[in-house]
Amino acid sequence: MTSPTLIPVRDLAACCSPMAGEPIGAESAAQFAAVLKALADPARLRILSMVAAHVDGEACVCDLTAPLGLQQSTVSHHLRILVDAGFLSRSQRGTWAYYRLIPRSLGAVTALLGTLDPGPDER
């Protein structure tokens, strides 16, 4: 079995309907799961919050390694996954790469999940 192709979160709206609207198909579910998998890691969630909270809303790998307690290569790996998933953008300045949260990327995931109204048995 092959892994689904990772579709950047900004492109998910084109392939997937909100969960509350109608059931999603197998291919859309696999694509959506791949993007959610990019978020389903404690270090990546911390990286997103640290980048968003950093001065000017961007951070370098060197700003993240010590607070995360991870090696530079591990942080770079997590950053690449978040960039590929469409949550962060990357800009190169000399030898340093800076990362910034893509506006509305997390909102796109929320929109796809939709607002599920729990039934009377779930309240």
C-alpha atoms as a PDB file:
ATOM      1  CA  MET A   1       0.000   0.000   0.000  1.00  0.00           C
ATOM      2  CA  THR A   2       1.390   3.406  -0.936  1.00  0.00           C
ATOM      3  CA  SER A   3       1.144   6.563   1.132  1.00  0.00           C
ATOM      4  CA  PRO A   4      -1.284   9.216  -0.096  1.00  0.00           C
ATOM      5  CA  THR A   5       0.183  12.233  -1.814  1.00  0.00           C
ATOM      6  CA  LEU A   6       0.405  15.163   0.576  1.00  0.00           C
ATOM      7  CA  ILE A   7      -1.816  17.969  -0.680  1.00  0.00           C
ATOM      8  CA  PRO A   8      -1.010  21.367   0.852  1.00  0.00           C
ATOM      9  CA  VAL A   9      -3.751  22.484   3.214  1.00  0.00           C
ATOM     10  CA  ARG A  10      -4.511  25.478   0.977  1.00  0.00           C
ATOM     11  CA  ASP A  11      -5.581  23.025  -1.772  1.00  0.00           C
ATOM     12  CA  LEU A  12      -7.721  20.763   0.417  1.00  0.00           C
ATOM     13  CA  ALA A  13     -10.861  22.838  -0.030  1.00  0.00           C
ATOM     14  CA  ALA A  14     -10.836  21.942  -3.710  1.00  0.00           C
ATOM     15  CA  CYS A  15     -10.733  18.196  -3.031  1.00  0.00           C
ATOM     16  CA  CYS A  16     -12.634  17.730   0.208  1.00  0.00           C
ATOM     17  CA  SER A  17     -16.033  18.824   1.399  1.00  0.00           C
ATOM     18  CA  PRO A  18     -16.605  19.785   5.046  1.00  0.00           C
ATOM     19  CA  MET A  19     -17.162  16.737   7.229  1.00  0.00           C
ATOM     20  CA  ALA A  20     -20.549  18.061   8.351  1.00  0.00           C
ATOM     21  CA  GLY A  21     -21.772  18.532   4.756  1.00  0.00           C
ATOM     22  CA  GLU A  22     -21.531  15.019   3.362  1.00  0.00           C
ATOM     23  CA  PRO A  23     -19.362  11.938   3.740  1.00  0.00           C
ATOM     24  CA  ILE A  24     -16.003  12.295   2.043  1.00  0.00           C
ATOM     25  CA  GLY A  25     -14.673   9.759  -0.417  1.00  0.00           C
ATOM     26  CA  ALA A  26     -11.746   7.437   0.163  1.00  0.00           C
ATOM     27  CA  GLU A  27      -9.236   9.511  -1.830  1.00  0.00           C
ATOM     28  CA  SER A  28     -10.236  12.769  -0.150  1.00  0.00           C
ATOM     29  CA  ALA A  29     -10.076  11.091   3.254  1.00  0.00           C
ATOM     30  CA  ALA A  30      -6.546   9.861   2.542  1.00  0.00           C
ATOM     31  CA  GLN A  31      -5.446  13.336   1.423  1.00  0.00           C
ATOM     32  CA  PHE A  32      -7.051  15.020   4.414  1.00  0.00           C
ATOM     33  CA  ALA A  33      -5.540  12.453   6.793  1.00  0.00           C
ATOM     34  CA  ALA A  34      -2.076  13.151   5.361  1.00  0.00           C
ATOM     35  CA  VAL A  35      -2.431  16.857   6.160  1.00  0.00           C
ATOM     36  CA  LEU A  36      -3.788  16.127   9.637  1.00  0.00           C
ATOM     37  CA  LYS A  37      -0.872  13.738  10.179  1.00  0.00           C
ATOM     38  CA  ALA A  38       1.468  16.694   9.639  1.00  0.00           C
ATOM     39  CA  LEU A  39      -0.227  18.351  12.632  1.00  0.00           C
ATOM     40  CA  ALA A  40      -0.440  15.215  14.747  1.00  0.00           C
ATOM     41  CA  ASP A  41       2.969  15.551  16.334  1.00  0.00           C
ATOM     42  CA  PRO A  42       3.664  17.439  19.575  1.00  0.00           C
ATOM     43  CA  ALA A  43       6.901  18.957  18.255  1.00  0.00           C
ATOM     44  CA  ARG A  44       5.167  20.224  15.097  1.00  0.00           C
ATOM     45  CA  LEU A  45       2.331  21.764  17.077  1.00  0.00           C
ATOM     46  CA  ARG A  46       4.897  23.498  19.281  1.00  0.00           C
ATOM     47  CA  ILE A  47       6.819  24.681  16.212  1.00  0.00           C
ATOM     48  CA  LEU A  48       3.656  26.227  14.739  1.00  0.00           C
ATOM     49  CA  SER A  49       2.891  28.064  17.962  1.00  0.00           C
ATOM     50  CA  MET A  50       6.506  29.173  18.418  1.00  0.00           C
ATOM     51  CA  VAL A  51       6.762  30.513  14.863  1.00  0.00           C
ATOM     52  CA  ALA A  52       3.436  32.340  15.169  1.00  0.00           C
ATOM     53  CA  ALA A  53       4.445  33.861  18.536  1.00  0.00           C
ATOM     54  CA  HIS A  54       7.987  34.775  17.460  1.00  0.00           C
ATOM     55  CA  VAL A  55       9.042  38.375  16.800  1.00  0.00           C
ATOM     56  CA  ASP A  56       7.651  39.457  13.410  1.00  0.00           C
ATOM     57  CA  GLY A  57       5.854  36.104  13.148  1.00  0.00           C
ATOM     58  CA  GLU A  58       8.813  34.260  11.692  1.00  0.00           C
ATOM     59  CA  ALA A  59      11.606  32.134  13.063  1.00  0.00           C
ATOM     60  CA  CYS A  60      14.813  30.447  12.000  1.00  0.00           C
ATOM     61  CA  VAL A  61      15.766  26.857  12.842  1.00  0.00           C
ATOM     62  CA  CYS A  62      18.351  28.324  15.208  1.00  0.00           C
ATOM     63  CA  ASP A  63      15.508  30.012  17.154  1.00  0.00           C
ATOM     64  CA  LEU A  64      13.692  26.706  17.645  1.00  0.00           C
ATOM     65  CA  THR A  65      16.273  24.035  18.483  1.00  0.00           C
ATOM     66  CA  ALA A  66      17.051  25.030  22.074  1.00  0.00           C
ATOM     67  CA  PRO A  67      13.438  25.683  23.193  1.00  0.00           C
ATOM     68  CA  LEU A  68      12.343  22.375  21.646  1.00  0.00           C
ATOM     69  CA  GLY A  69      15.336  20.462  23.004  1.00  0.00           C
ATOM     70  CA  LEU A  70      15.831  18.807  19.619  1.00  0.00           C
ATOM     71  CA  GLN A  71      18.744  18.551  17.205  1.00  0.00           C
ATOM     72  CA  GLN A  72      18.848  20.982  14.276  1.00  0.00           C
ATOM     73  CA  SER A  73      18.327  18.132  11.803  1.00  0.00           C
ATOM     74  CA  THR A  74      15.188  16.960  13.624  1.00  0.00           C
ATOM     75  CA  VAL A  75      13.738  20.478  13.739  1.00  0.00           C
ATOM     76  CA  SER A  76      14.532  20.917  10.034  1.00  0.00           C
ATOM     77  CA  HIS A  77      12.715  17.651   9.292  1.00  0.00           C
ATOM     78  CA  HIS A  78       9.598  18.837  11.151  1.00  0.00           C
ATOM     79  CA  LEU A  79       9.759  22.226   9.421  1.00  0.00           C
ATOM     80  CA  ARG A  80       9.951  20.562   5.998  1.00  0.00           C
ATOM     81  CA  ILE A  81       6.830  18.512   6.777  1.00  0.00           C
ATOM     82  CA  LEU A  82       4.949  21.644   7.868  1.00  0.00           C
ATOM     83  CA  VAL A  83       6.068  23.508   4.726  1.00  0.00           C
ATOM     84  CA  ASP A  84       5.057  20.592   2.473  1.00  0.00           C
ATOM     85  CA  ALA A  85       1.668  20.432   4.199  1.00  0.00           C
ATOM     86  CA  GLY A  86       1.107  24.144   3.556  1.00  0.00           C
ATOM     87  CA  PHE A  87       1.190  25.389   7.153  1.00  0.00           C
ATOM     88  CA  LEU A  88       4.491  27.286   6.929  1.00  0.00           C
ATOM     89  CA  SER A  89       6.284  29.232   4.219  1.00  0.00           C
ATOM     90  CA  ARG A  90      10.071  29.280   3.922  1.00  0.00           C
ATOM     91  CA  SER A  91      12.306  32.124   2.788  1.00  0.00           C
ATOM     92  CA  GLN A  92      16.055  31.846   2.351  1.00  0.00           C
ATOM     93  CA  ARG A  93      18.287  34.724   3.500  1.00  0.00           C
ATOM     94  CA  GLY A  94      21.913  33.939   2.940  1.00  0.00           C
ATOM     95  CA  THR A  95      22.634  30.675   4.741  1.00  0.00           C
ATOM     96  CA  TRP A  96      19.573  30.980   7.017  1.00  0.00           C
ATOM     97  CA  ALA A  97      16.022  29.851   6.279  1.00  0.00           C
ATOM     98  CA  TYR A  98      13.140  31.658   7.968  1.00  0.00           C
ATOM     99  CA  TYR A  99       9.688  30.185   8.481  1.00  0.00           C
ATOM    100  CA  ARG A 100       6.345  31.964   8.746  1.00  0.00           C
ATOM    101  CA  LEU A 101       2.835  30.656   9.410  1.00  0.00           C
ATOM    102  CA  ILE A 102       0.725  30.816   6.252  1.00  0.00           C
ATOM    103  CA  PRO A 103      -2.333  32.947   7.009  1.00  0.00           C
ATOM    104  CA  ARG A 104      -5.565  30.988   7.322  1.00  0.00           C
ATOM    105  CA  SER A 105      -3.834  27.589   6.919  1.00  0.00           C
ATOM    106  CA  LEU A 106      -5.128  26.355  10.269  1.00  0.00           C
ATOM    107  CA  GLY A 107      -8.522  27.904   9.518  1.00  0.00           C
ATOM    108  CA  ALA A 108      -8.710  25.796   6.355  1.00  0.00           C
ATOM    109  CA  VAL A 109      -8.420  22.630   8.446  1.00  0.00           C
ATOM    110  CA  THR A 110     -11.125  23.904  10.787  1.00  0.00           C
ATOM    111  CA  ALA A 111     -13.393  24.695   7.838  1.00  0.00           C
ATOM    112  CA  LEU A 112     -12.933  21.198   6.427  1.00  0.00           C
ATOM    113  CA  LEU A 113     -13.853  19.630   9.740  1.00  0.00           C
ATOM    114  CA  GLY A 114     -16.951  21.819   9.750  1.00  0.00           C
ATOM    115  CA  THR A 115     -18.972  22.583  12.793  1.00  0.00           C
ATOM    116  CA  LEU A 116     -20.426  19.297  13.845  1.00  0.00           C
ATOM    117  CA  ASP A 117     -23.596  19.710  15.867  1.00  0.00           C
ATOM    118  CA  PRO A 118     -23.635  16.875  18.390  1.00  0.00           C
ATOM    119  CA  GLY A 119     -26.870  14.953  18.540  1.00  0.00           C
ATOM    120  CA  PRO A 120     -28.977  14.906  21.704  1.00  0.00           C
ATOM    121  CA  ASP A 121     -27.188  11.766  22.945  1.00  0.00           C
ATOM    122  CA  GLU A 122     -23.767  13.459  22.669  1.00  0.00           C
ATOM    123  CA  ARG A 123     -24.564  16.661  24.581  1.00  0.00           C
END
